[in-house]
Amino acid sequence: MLKHRGFPSRLPGTDFQFTIRRANPRGITPITRRERFADRRPPDRRADAGFMQALWDHFGDEPFERGNLDAGRLSWLFGREVVAVDDPFDPESYDALLRIDVNVARVNFPEVFGDD
């Protein structure tokens, strides 16, 4: 499992996790698309925006390996702002390649992209 050095482990000042420390010996947590409903709590929305900011700062529009990125946090963005590069995509692989769909991410997280 690739560890993304320099990637923040969590949203500062919160318990919202962005990375995992070690591979799960009982099996890899799959990445699945989670629906974000309009009534989500503001802290959850801030965590999504913080994670998107960290992804953008660390990877930009280049493909990246899932590695030690938290599957739960990725799942909130997967299928919209974060998409699979591999076809077929293995949601249970630490080696799976992902990328930011910049056009979708700019619309859903304008605070992250500013005036780029």
N, C-alpha and C. Protein backbone atom coordinates (compact mmCIF):
# COMPACT_ATOMS: atom_id res chain seq x y z
N MET A 1 0.85 -1.18 0.00
CA MET A 1 0.00 0.00 0.00
C MET A 1 0.90 1.24 0.00
N LEU A 2 0.68 2.08 -1.00
CA LEU A 2 1.43 3.32 -1.11
C LEU A 2 0.95 4.31 -0.04
N LYS A 3 1.90 4.90 0.69
CA LYS A 3 1.57 5.94 1.65
C LYS A 3 1.89 7.28 1.01
N HIS A 4 0.89 8.14 0.94
CA HIS A 4 1.05 9.45 0.33
C HIS A 4 1.69 10.40 1.33
N ARG A 5 3.00 10.50 1.25
CA ARG A 5 3.76 11.37 2.17
C ARG A 5 3.35 12.81 1.96
N GLY A 6 3.14 13.52 3.06
CA GLY A 6 2.79 14.93 2.98
C GLY A 6 1.29 15.18 2.87
N PHE A 7 0.51 14.13 2.67
CA PHE A 7 -0.95 14.28 2.59
C PHE A 7 -1.48 14.38 4.02
N PRO A 8 -2.37 15.35 4.30
CA PRO A 8 -2.88 15.49 5.67
C PRO A 8 -3.63 14.24 6.13
N SER A 9 -3.43 13.86 7.38
CA SER A 9 -4.07 12.64 7.89
C SER A 9 -5.53 12.87 8.27
N ARG A 10 -5.89 14.11 8.53
CA ARG A 10 -7.27 14.43 8.91
C ARG A 10 -7.53 15.91 8.68
N LEU A 11 -8.81 16.29 8.77
CA LEU A 11 -9.17 17.70 8.69
C LEU A 11 -8.71 18.35 9.98
N PRO A 12 -7.89 19.39 9.91
CA PRO A 12 -7.37 20.02 11.12
C PRO A 12 -8.47 20.41 12.11
N GLY A 13 -8.23 20.08 13.37
CA GLY A 13 -9.17 20.43 14.44
C GLY A 13 -10.38 19.53 14.54
N THR A 14 -10.40 18.43 13.79
CA THR A 14 -11.56 17.52 13.81
C THR A 14 -11.08 16.07 13.86
N ASP A 15 -12.04 15.16 13.92
CA ASP A 15 -11.75 13.73 13.84
C ASP A 15 -12.09 13.16 12.47
N PHE A 16 -12.27 14.02 11.47
CA PHE A 16 -12.55 13.54 10.12
C PHE A 16 -11.25 13.05 9.50
N GLN A 17 -11.15 11.74 9.30
CA GLN A 17 -9.95 11.07 8.84
C GLN A 17 -9.81 11.15 7.32
N PHE A 18 -8.58 11.41 6.84
CA PHE A 18 -8.29 11.46 5.41
C PHE A 18 -7.44 10.27 4.95
N THR A 19 -6.61 9.73 5.85
CA THR A 19 -5.74 8.61 5.49
C THR A 19 -5.85 7.51 6.55
N ILE A 20 -5.36 6.32 6.16
CA ILE A 20 -5.28 5.22 7.11
C ILE A 20 -3.80 4.95 7.38
N ARG A 21 -3.51 4.37 8.53
CA ARG A 21 -2.11 4.13 8.89
C ARG A 21 -1.54 2.87 8.27
N ARG A 22 -2.37 1.83 8.20
CA ARG A 22 -1.87 0.55 7.69
C ARG A 22 -2.98 -0.17 6.94
N ALA A 23 -2.58 -1.12 6.11
CA ALA A 23 -3.54 -1.92 5.35
C ALA A 23 -4.37 -2.75 6.32
N ASN A 24 -5.62 -2.96 5.97
CA ASN A 24 -6.53 -3.74 6.81
C ASN A 24 -6.25 -5.22 6.58
N PRO A 25 -5.82 -5.94 7.63
CA PRO A 25 -5.50 -7.36 7.44
C PRO A 25 -6.73 -8.23 7.18
N ARG A 26 -7.91 -7.75 7.49
CA ARG A 26 -9.15 -8.53 7.30
C ARG A 26 -9.79 -8.27 5.94
N GLY A 27 -9.19 -7.43 5.15
CA GLY A 27 -9.73 -7.12 3.84
C GLY A 27 -9.79 -5.63 3.60
N ILE A 28 -9.73 -5.27 2.35
CA ILE A 28 -9.71 -3.86 1.97
C ILE A 28 -11.13 -3.32 1.91
N THR A 29 -11.35 -2.17 2.51
CA THR A 29 -12.66 -1.53 2.44
C THR A 29 -12.88 -1.01 1.02
N PRO A 30 -13.96 -1.43 0.39
CA PRO A 30 -14.19 -0.99 -1.00
C PRO A 30 -14.62 0.48 -1.07
N ILE A 31 -14.28 1.10 -2.18
CA ILE A 31 -14.76 2.45 -2.46
C ILE A 31 -16.11 2.31 -3.16
N THR A 32 -17.12 2.96 -2.62
CA THR A 32 -18.46 2.94 -3.22
C THR A 32 -18.98 4.36 -3.29
N ARG A 33 -19.85 4.62 -4.22
CA ARG A 33 -20.43 5.96 -4.33
C ARG A 33 -21.46 6.16 -3.22
N ARG A 34 -21.27 7.21 -2.43
CA ARG A 34 -22.23 7.57 -1.38
C ARG A 34 -22.98 8.82 -1.81
N GLU A 35 -24.27 8.82 -1.59
CA GLU A 35 -25.08 9.99 -1.95
C GLU A 35 -24.89 11.10 -0.92
N ARG A 36 -24.70 12.30 -1.42
CA ARG A 36 -24.62 13.49 -0.55
C ARG A 36 -25.94 14.23 -0.67
N PHE A 37 -26.74 14.16 0.37
CA PHE A 37 -28.04 14.82 0.36
C PHE A 37 -27.90 16.28 0.78
N ALA A 38 -28.85 17.10 0.38
CA ALA A 38 -28.82 18.55 0.64
C ALA A 38 -28.84 18.87 2.13
N ASP A 39 -29.35 17.97 2.95
CA ASP A 39 -29.46 18.26 4.38
C ASP A 39 -28.27 17.75 5.20
N ARG A 40 -27.13 17.49 4.53
CA ARG A 40 -25.93 17.05 5.28
C ARG A 40 -25.49 18.14 6.24
N ARG A 41 -24.92 17.69 7.35
CA ARG A 41 -24.47 18.63 8.38
C ARG A 41 -23.30 19.48 7.88
N PRO A 42 -23.22 20.73 8.32
CA PRO A 42 -22.10 21.59 7.91
C PRO A 42 -20.72 21.00 8.19
N PRO A 43 -20.48 20.32 9.34
CA PRO A 43 -19.14 19.73 9.52
C PRO A 43 -18.81 18.68 8.46
N ASP A 44 -19.81 17.91 8.03
CA ASP A 44 -19.57 16.92 6.98
C ASP A 44 -19.23 17.60 5.66
N ARG A 45 -19.90 18.70 5.37
CA ARG A 45 -19.60 19.45 4.15
C ARG A 45 -18.20 20.04 4.19
N ARG A 46 -17.79 20.54 5.36
CA ARG A 46 -16.43 21.08 5.50
C ARG A 46 -15.39 19.98 5.32
N ALA A 47 -15.70 18.77 5.82
CA ALA A 47 -14.77 17.65 5.65
C ALA A 47 -14.63 17.29 4.17
N ASP A 48 -15.73 17.28 3.43
CA ASP A 48 -15.67 17.02 1.99
C ASP A 48 -14.82 18.06 1.29
N ALA A 49 -15.05 19.33 1.61
CA ALA A 49 -14.30 20.42 0.98
C ALA A 49 -12.82 20.35 1.38
N GLY A 50 -12.54 20.04 2.64
CA GLY A 50 -11.16 19.92 3.09
C GLY A 50 -10.43 18.78 2.41
N PHE A 51 -11.12 17.66 2.23
CA PHE A 51 -10.52 16.52 1.55
C PHE A 51 -10.28 16.84 0.08
N MET A 52 -11.25 17.50 -0.56
CA MET A 52 -11.06 17.89 -1.96
C MET A 52 -9.88 18.85 -2.09
N GLN A 53 -9.76 19.79 -1.15
CA GLN A 53 -8.63 20.72 -1.17
C GLN A 53 -7.31 19.96 -1.05
N ALA A 54 -7.25 19.00 -0.15
CA ALA A 54 -6.03 18.22 0.04
C ALA A 54 -5.70 17.41 -1.22
N LEU A 55 -6.72 16.80 -1.84
CA LEU A 55 -6.50 16.06 -3.08
C LEU A 55 -5.97 16.98 -4.18
N TRP A 56 -6.58 18.15 -4.32
CA TRP A 56 -6.17 19.09 -5.36
C TRP A 56 -4.75 19.59 -5.11
N ASP A 57 -4.45 19.95 -3.87
CA ASP A 57 -3.11 20.44 -3.54
C ASP A 57 -2.04 19.38 -3.76
N HIS A 58 -2.39 18.13 -3.47
CA HIS A 58 -1.40 17.05 -3.53
C HIS A 58 -1.25 16.46 -4.94
N PHE A 59 -2.37 16.31 -5.66
CA PHE A 59 -2.33 15.60 -6.94
C PHE A 59 -2.68 16.47 -8.16
N GLY A 60 -3.42 17.55 -7.97
CA GLY A 60 -3.87 18.35 -9.10
C GLY A 60 -4.75 17.52 -10.01
N ASP A 61 -4.57 17.67 -11.31
CA ASP A 61 -5.42 16.92 -12.25
C ASP A 61 -4.75 15.63 -12.73
N GLU A 62 -3.67 15.22 -12.08
CA GLU A 62 -2.95 13.99 -12.44
C GLU A 62 -3.59 12.77 -11.79
N PRO A 63 -3.54 11.61 -12.45
CA PRO A 63 -4.03 10.37 -11.83
C PRO A 63 -3.21 10.06 -10.57
N PHE A 64 -3.87 9.45 -9.60
CA PHE A 64 -3.20 9.09 -8.35
C PHE A 64 -3.67 7.72 -7.89
N GLU A 65 -2.80 7.06 -7.14
CA GLU A 65 -3.09 5.74 -6.59
C GLU A 65 -3.89 5.91 -5.30
N ARG A 66 -4.86 5.01 -5.08
CA ARG A 66 -5.65 5.07 -3.86
C ARG A 66 -4.75 4.99 -2.63
N GLY A 67 -3.86 4.05 -2.58
CA GLY A 67 -2.90 3.94 -1.48
C GLY A 67 -3.56 3.98 -0.12
N ASN A 68 -3.05 4.87 0.74
CA ASN A 68 -3.55 4.95 2.11
C ASN A 68 -4.67 5.99 2.29
N LEU A 69 -5.27 6.44 1.21
CA LEU A 69 -6.39 7.38 1.32
C LEU A 69 -7.60 6.64 1.88
N ASP A 70 -8.33 7.26 2.80
CA ASP A 70 -9.45 6.64 3.47
C ASP A 70 -10.60 6.34 2.50
N ALA A 71 -11.03 5.08 2.46
CA ALA A 71 -12.10 4.67 1.54
C ALA A 71 -13.41 5.37 1.85
N GLY A 72 -13.72 5.55 3.12
CA GLY A 72 -14.96 6.23 3.49
C GLY A 72 -14.99 7.66 2.99
N ARG A 73 -13.90 8.37 3.16
CA ARG A 73 -13.84 9.76 2.72
C ARG A 73 -13.86 9.84 1.19
N LEU A 74 -13.14 8.93 0.53
CA LEU A 74 -13.15 8.90 -0.94
C LEU A 74 -14.55 8.60 -1.46
N SER A 75 -15.28 7.76 -0.75
CA SER A 75 -16.61 7.35 -1.21
C SER A 75 -17.59 8.51 -1.28
N TRP A 76 -17.39 9.55 -0.46
CA TRP A 76 -18.28 10.72 -0.52
C TRP A 76 -18.07 11.51 -1.81
N LEU A 77 -16.90 11.36 -2.44
CA LEU A 77 -16.58 12.10 -3.67
C LEU A 77 -16.60 11.21 -4.91
N PHE A 78 -16.53 9.89 -4.71
CA PHE A 78 -16.37 8.95 -5.81
C PHE A 78 -17.59 8.96 -6.74
N GLY A 79 -17.29 8.93 -8.03
CA GLY A 79 -18.34 8.90 -9.04
C GLY A 79 -18.80 10.28 -9.45
N ARG A 80 -18.31 11.30 -8.78
CA ARG A 80 -18.62 12.68 -9.13
C ARG A 80 -17.29 13.42 -9.31
N GLU A 81 -16.75 13.93 -8.22
CA GLU A 81 -15.51 14.72 -8.29
C GLU A 81 -14.27 13.84 -8.45
N VAL A 82 -14.31 12.63 -7.93
CA VAL A 82 -13.20 11.68 -8.06
C VAL A 82 -13.71 10.49 -8.86
N VAL A 83 -13.02 10.19 -9.96
CA VAL A 83 -13.45 9.11 -10.85
C VAL A 83 -12.32 8.10 -11.05
N ALA A 84 -12.71 6.91 -11.46
CA ALA A 84 -11.75 5.84 -11.71
C ALA A 84 -11.02 6.09 -13.02
N VAL A 85 -9.75 5.76 -13.04
CA VAL A 85 -8.96 5.81 -14.26
C VAL A 85 -8.96 4.42 -14.91
N ASP A 86 -8.86 3.39 -14.07
CA ASP A 86 -8.81 2.01 -14.56
C ASP A 86 -10.16 1.54 -15.06
N ASP A 87 -10.11 0.72 -16.13
CA ASP A 87 -11.33 0.08 -16.62
C ASP A 87 -10.97 -1.37 -16.94
N PRO A 88 -11.41 -2.32 -16.19
CA PRO A 88 -12.37 -2.22 -15.10
C PRO A 88 -11.71 -1.71 -13.81
N PHE A 89 -12.53 -1.06 -13.00
CA PHE A 89 -12.08 -0.49 -11.74
C PHE A 89 -12.25 -1.51 -10.63
N ASP A 90 -11.22 -1.70 -9.81
CA ASP A 90 -11.30 -2.59 -8.66
C ASP A 90 -11.46 -1.74 -7.40
N PRO A 91 -12.67 -1.66 -6.83
CA PRO A 91 -12.90 -0.81 -5.66
C PRO A 91 -12.22 -1.31 -4.40
N GLU A 92 -11.67 -2.53 -4.45
CA GLU A 92 -11.01 -3.09 -3.27
C GLU A 92 -9.49 -3.19 -3.43
N SER A 93 -8.92 -2.37 -4.29
CA SER A 93 -7.48 -2.41 -4.53
C SER A 93 -6.82 -1.12 -4.03
N TYR A 94 -5.75 -1.28 -3.26
CA TYR A 94 -4.97 -0.11 -2.85
C TYR A 94 -4.21 0.47 -4.04
N ASP A 95 -4.07 -0.30 -5.12
CA ASP A 95 -3.35 0.15 -6.30
C ASP A 95 -4.24 0.83 -7.33
N ALA A 96 -5.55 0.89 -7.09
CA ALA A 96 -6.49 1.48 -8.04
C ALA A 96 -6.11 2.93 -8.34
N LEU A 97 -6.22 3.29 -9.62
CA LEU A 97 -5.91 4.67 -10.03
C LEU A 97 -7.18 5.50 -10.09
N LEU A 98 -7.10 6.70 -9.55
CA LEU A 98 -8.21 7.65 -9.52
C LEU A 98 -7.71 8.98 -10.06
N ARG A 99 -8.64 9.87 -10.35
CA ARG A 99 -8.27 11.25 -10.71
C ARG A 99 -9.43 12.16 -10.36
N ILE A 100 -9.13 13.43 -10.25
CA ILE A 100 -10.16 14.44 -9.99
C ILE A 100 -10.78 14.83 -11.32
N ASP A 101 -12.11 14.80 -11.40
CA ASP A 101 -12.83 15.34 -12.55
C ASP A 101 -12.95 16.84 -12.28
N VAL A 102 -12.03 17.59 -12.82
CA VAL A 102 -11.89 19.01 -12.48
C VAL A 102 -13.15 19.81 -12.78
N ASN A 103 -13.81 19.52 -13.90
CA ASN A 103 -15.01 20.28 -14.26
C ASN A 103 -16.12 20.10 -13.22
N VAL A 104 -16.34 18.88 -12.79
CA VAL A 104 -17.37 18.61 -11.77
C VAL A 104 -16.95 19.19 -10.43
N ALA A 105 -15.68 19.01 -10.08
CA ALA A 105 -15.18 19.50 -8.80
C ALA A 105 -15.27 21.03 -8.70
N ARG A 106 -15.00 21.74 -9.77
CA ARG A 106 -15.10 23.21 -9.76
C ARG A 106 -16.53 23.67 -9.47
N VAL A 107 -17.50 22.94 -10.01
CA VAL A 107 -18.90 23.30 -9.80
C VAL A 107 -19.32 23.00 -8.36
N ASN A 108 -18.93 21.83 -7.84
CA ASN A 108 -19.38 21.40 -6.52
C ASN A 108 -18.56 21.96 -5.37
N PHE A 109 -17.32 22.36 -5.63
CA PHE A 109 -16.45 22.91 -4.59
C PHE A 109 -15.76 24.18 -5.09
N PRO A 110 -16.53 25.23 -5.39
CA PRO A 110 -15.91 26.46 -5.91
C PRO A 110 -14.91 27.09 -4.92
N GLU A 111 -15.12 26.85 -3.63
CA GLU A 111 -14.21 27.42 -2.63
C GLU A 111 -12.82 26.81 -2.71
N VAL A 112 -12.68 25.63 -3.26
CA VAL A 112 -11.40 24.96 -3.39
C VAL A 112 -10.62 25.52 -4.57
N PHE A 113 -11.32 25.80 -5.67
CA PHE A 113 -10.65 26.16 -6.91
C PHE A 113 -10.53 27.66 -7.11
N GLY A 114 -11.31 28.44 -6.39
CA GLY A 114 -11.21 29.88 -6.47
C GLY A 114 -11.32 30.40 -7.89
N ASP A 115 -10.40 31.28 -8.27
CA ASP A 115 -10.44 31.94 -9.58
C ASP A 115 -9.51 31.29 -10.60
N ASP A 116 -9.05 30.06 -10.36
CA ASP A 116 -8.08 29.42 -11.27
C ASP A 116 -8.44 29.63 -12.70
